[in-house]
Amino acid sequence: MDLSEIMEFRQISTKDEYDQAAELAATCFHESKEDMKNDFKEFSEQYFLGAFEDNQLQVAADGRFFGIFIRNQLFKCAGIAFVMTNPIHRREGLVNKLMNILLRKMKDDGYVYSALWPFEHKFYSNFGYASIEKAISYKIKPSNIRKDLQKDESISIRRYEPTKDFKK
């Protein structure tokens, strides 16, 4: 039997559902339930979808709203995070169905870009994702940083403010 047919796919919205999500995340990501609850506080106005079997959360994923600059132009982007599955339901196609629902919802709401940091590139390539960056890190001793550098006054840096810089 196809489990996705008996699961109910819906927005995670109640306190009990958030508690279940925190428990599932603690299991999947090896973090404390309390840390997961703190991470989930910001999800109420975003996509946080789950698959429920008899009102018990089995699979979840969230889409976070943010902006992405491409060639100096700001675009709406939905970041996908906390893709998680109850270990007893892995490899049953439930994440696949939930991801398709989430991606369709984001597309319908005008998000043409989405991003994620995958645990397994091959799995997410099934949804059209590919790596577009290469992480590079440098280790620099503080003593190697020049102290005589002058600030270029023509360059300004400020913190990104979603309410000012980006409209949903």
Protein backbone atom coordinates (compact mmCIF):
# COMPACT_ATOMS: atom_id res chain seq x y z
CA MET A 1 0.00 0.00 0.00
CA ASP A 2 1.18 3.54 -0.81
CA LEU A 3 1.54 5.23 2.59
CA SER A 4 1.35 8.68 1.02
CA GLU A 5 -2.31 7.95 0.25
CA ILE A 6 -3.22 7.47 3.92
CA MET A 7 -1.09 10.34 5.21
CA GLU A 8 -2.57 13.79 5.62
CA PHE A 9 -0.26 16.51 4.26
CA ARG A 10 -0.86 19.91 5.88
CA GLN A 11 0.62 23.00 7.49
CA ILE A 12 2.11 22.43 10.94
CA SER A 13 0.26 24.96 13.05
CA THR A 14 -0.72 23.85 16.57
CA LYS A 15 1.45 23.75 19.68
CA ASP A 16 1.16 19.95 19.73
CA GLU A 17 2.28 19.75 16.09
CA TYR A 18 5.28 22.01 16.79
CA ASP A 19 6.15 19.79 19.77
CA GLN A 20 5.97 16.73 17.52
CA ALA A 21 8.18 18.50 14.96
CA ALA A 22 10.74 19.36 17.65
CA GLU A 23 10.77 15.73 18.79
CA LEU A 24 11.19 14.47 15.22
CA ALA A 25 13.95 17.03 14.53
CA ALA A 26 15.77 16.03 17.72
CA THR A 27 15.70 12.43 16.51
CA CYS A 28 16.82 13.25 12.97
CA PHE A 29 19.41 15.95 13.64
CA HIS A 30 20.71 14.88 17.06
CA GLU A 31 19.92 18.22 18.69
CA SER A 32 17.95 18.81 21.86
CA LYS A 33 14.19 19.13 21.63
CA GLU A 34 14.41 22.55 23.30
CA ASP A 35 16.92 23.81 20.72
CA MET A 36 14.62 22.61 17.96
CA LYS A 37 11.63 24.39 19.56
CA ASN A 38 13.64 27.62 19.60
CA ASP A 39 14.50 27.20 15.92
CA PHE A 40 10.84 26.60 15.07
CA LYS A 41 9.53 29.79 16.73
CA GLU A 42 10.00 31.75 13.50
CA PHE A 43 8.06 29.30 11.32
CA SER A 44 4.52 30.48 12.08
CA GLU A 45 4.32 32.79 9.05
CA GLN A 46 6.24 30.52 6.73
CA TYR A 47 5.68 27.16 5.09
CA PHE A 48 6.14 24.38 7.63
CA LEU A 49 4.48 21.32 6.19
CA GLY A 50 4.08 17.85 7.58
CA ALA A 51 2.69 14.43 6.75
CA PHE A 52 0.52 13.03 9.51
CA GLU A 53 -0.63 9.48 10.17
CA ASP A 54 -3.43 9.40 12.77
CA ASN A 55 -2.46 12.98 13.79
CA GLN A 56 1.13 11.89 14.45
CA LEU A 57 3.79 13.76 12.50
CA GLN A 58 5.90 11.40 10.39
CA VAL A 59 7.59 13.70 7.84
CA ALA A 60 8.18 17.47 7.79
CA ALA A 61 9.96 20.22 5.88
CA ASP A 62 9.91 23.98 6.02
CA GLY A 63 10.26 26.74 3.48
CA ARG A 64 11.73 30.01 4.74
CA PHE A 65 11.28 33.30 2.94
CA PHE A 66 14.30 35.37 2.04
CA GLY A 67 15.82 37.31 -0.82
CA ILE A 68 18.64 36.30 -3.10
CA PHE A 69 20.76 38.63 -5.21
CA ILE A 70 21.47 37.50 -8.76
CA ARG A 71 23.58 39.91 -10.79
CA ASN A 72 22.75 42.75 -8.41
CA GLN A 73 18.99 42.19 -8.61
CA LEU A 74 16.98 41.02 -5.58
CA PHE A 75 14.60 38.09 -6.12
CA LYS A 76 12.22 36.26 -3.83
CA CYS A 77 13.67 32.95 -2.72
CA ALA A 78 12.36 30.20 -0.48
CA GLY A 79 14.93 28.27 1.46
CA ILE A 80 14.13 24.69 2.32
CA ALA A 81 15.26 23.42 5.70
CA PHE A 82 14.55 20.77 8.30
CA VAL A 83 13.58 18.04 5.85
CA MET A 84 13.00 15.17 8.27
CA THR A 85 11.45 11.73 8.36
CA ASN A 86 10.54 9.40 11.15
CA PRO A 87 13.18 6.65 10.77
CA ILE A 88 10.50 3.96 10.48
CA HIS A 89 9.14 5.70 7.35
CA ARG A 90 12.37 6.27 5.44
CA ARG A 91 12.51 5.19 1.79
CA GLU A 92 8.72 5.13 1.45
CA GLY A 93 8.39 8.14 -0.88
CA LEU A 94 6.93 10.44 1.78
CA VAL A 95 9.69 13.07 1.59
CA ASN A 96 9.35 13.02 -2.19
CA LYS A 97 5.62 13.75 -1.98
CA LEU A 98 6.07 16.41 0.72
CA MET A 99 8.84 18.14 -1.26
CA ASN A 100 6.64 18.22 -4.36
CA ILE A 101 3.78 19.76 -2.36
CA LEU A 102 6.14 22.33 -0.82
CA LEU A 103 7.75 23.25 -4.15
CA ARG A 104 4.33 23.56 -5.84
CA LYS A 105 3.06 25.83 -3.04
CA MET A 106 6.14 28.04 -3.28
CA LYS A 107 5.83 28.26 -7.06
CA ASP A 108 2.12 29.12 -6.81
CA ASP A 109 3.05 31.91 -4.38
CA GLY A 110 5.54 33.43 -6.81
CA TYR A 111 8.81 31.93 -5.63
CA VAL A 112 10.79 31.04 -8.73
CA TYR A 113 13.97 30.37 -6.74
CA SER A 114 14.56 28.07 -3.82
CA ALA A 115 17.71 27.00 -2.08
CA LEU A 116 18.79 24.34 0.37
CA TRP A 117 21.88 22.85 1.94
CA PRO A 118 21.46 19.17 1.13
CA PHE A 119 22.52 16.20 3.19
CA GLU A 120 22.79 14.23 -0.05
CA HIS A 121 23.19 16.02 -3.39
CA LYS A 122 21.95 13.08 -5.46
CA PHE A 123 18.63 12.89 -3.58
CA TYR A 124 17.84 16.59 -4.09
CA SER A 125 18.92 16.51 -7.73
CA ASN A 126 15.65 14.62 -8.30
CA PHE A 127 13.89 17.93 -7.52
CA GLY A 128 16.10 19.95 -9.88
CA TYR A 129 18.69 21.14 -7.34
CA ALA A 130 22.37 21.35 -8.14
CA SER A 131 25.41 22.82 -6.42
CA ILE A 132 26.14 26.36 -7.54
CA GLU A 133 28.90 27.18 -5.12
CA LYS A 134 32.14 25.83 -3.90
CA ALA A 135 33.05 26.39 -0.29
CA ILE A 136 36.51 27.80 0.24
CA SER A 137 37.96 28.51 3.63
CA TYR A 138 41.11 30.30 4.69
CA LYS A 139 42.98 30.21 7.97
CA ILE A 140 44.73 33.48 8.74
CA LYS A 141 46.77 34.30 11.78
CA PRO A 142 45.67 37.63 13.28
CA SER A 143 49.30 38.73 13.21
CA ASN A 144 49.21 38.50 9.39
CA ILE A 145 46.46 41.11 9.05
CA ARG A 146 47.84 44.48 8.05
CA LYS A 147 47.11 47.26 10.49
CA ASP A 148 47.82 50.11 8.06
CA LEU A 149 44.89 49.47 5.67
CA GLN A 150 42.61 52.43 5.10
CA LYS A 151 38.84 52.16 4.90
CA ASP A 152 37.38 52.84 1.45
CA GLU A 153 34.64 55.41 2.22
CA SER A 154 32.85 54.67 -1.06
CA ILE A 155 31.90 51.19 0.19
CA SER A 156 29.16 50.77 2.74
CA ILE A 157 28.04 47.62 4.47
CA ARG A 158 24.80 47.25 6.35
CA ARG A 159 22.72 44.46 7.74
CA TYR A 160 20.04 43.02 5.43
CA GLU A 161 16.59 44.06 6.69
CA PRO A 162 13.81 41.95 5.16
CA THR A 163 11.07 44.46 5.96
CA LYS A 164 12.92 47.24 4.11
CA ASP A 165 14.85 45.34 1.44
CA PHE A 166 12.34 42.73 0.39
CA LYS A 167 8.59 42.53 -0.04
CA LYS A 168 6.78 39.19 -0.17
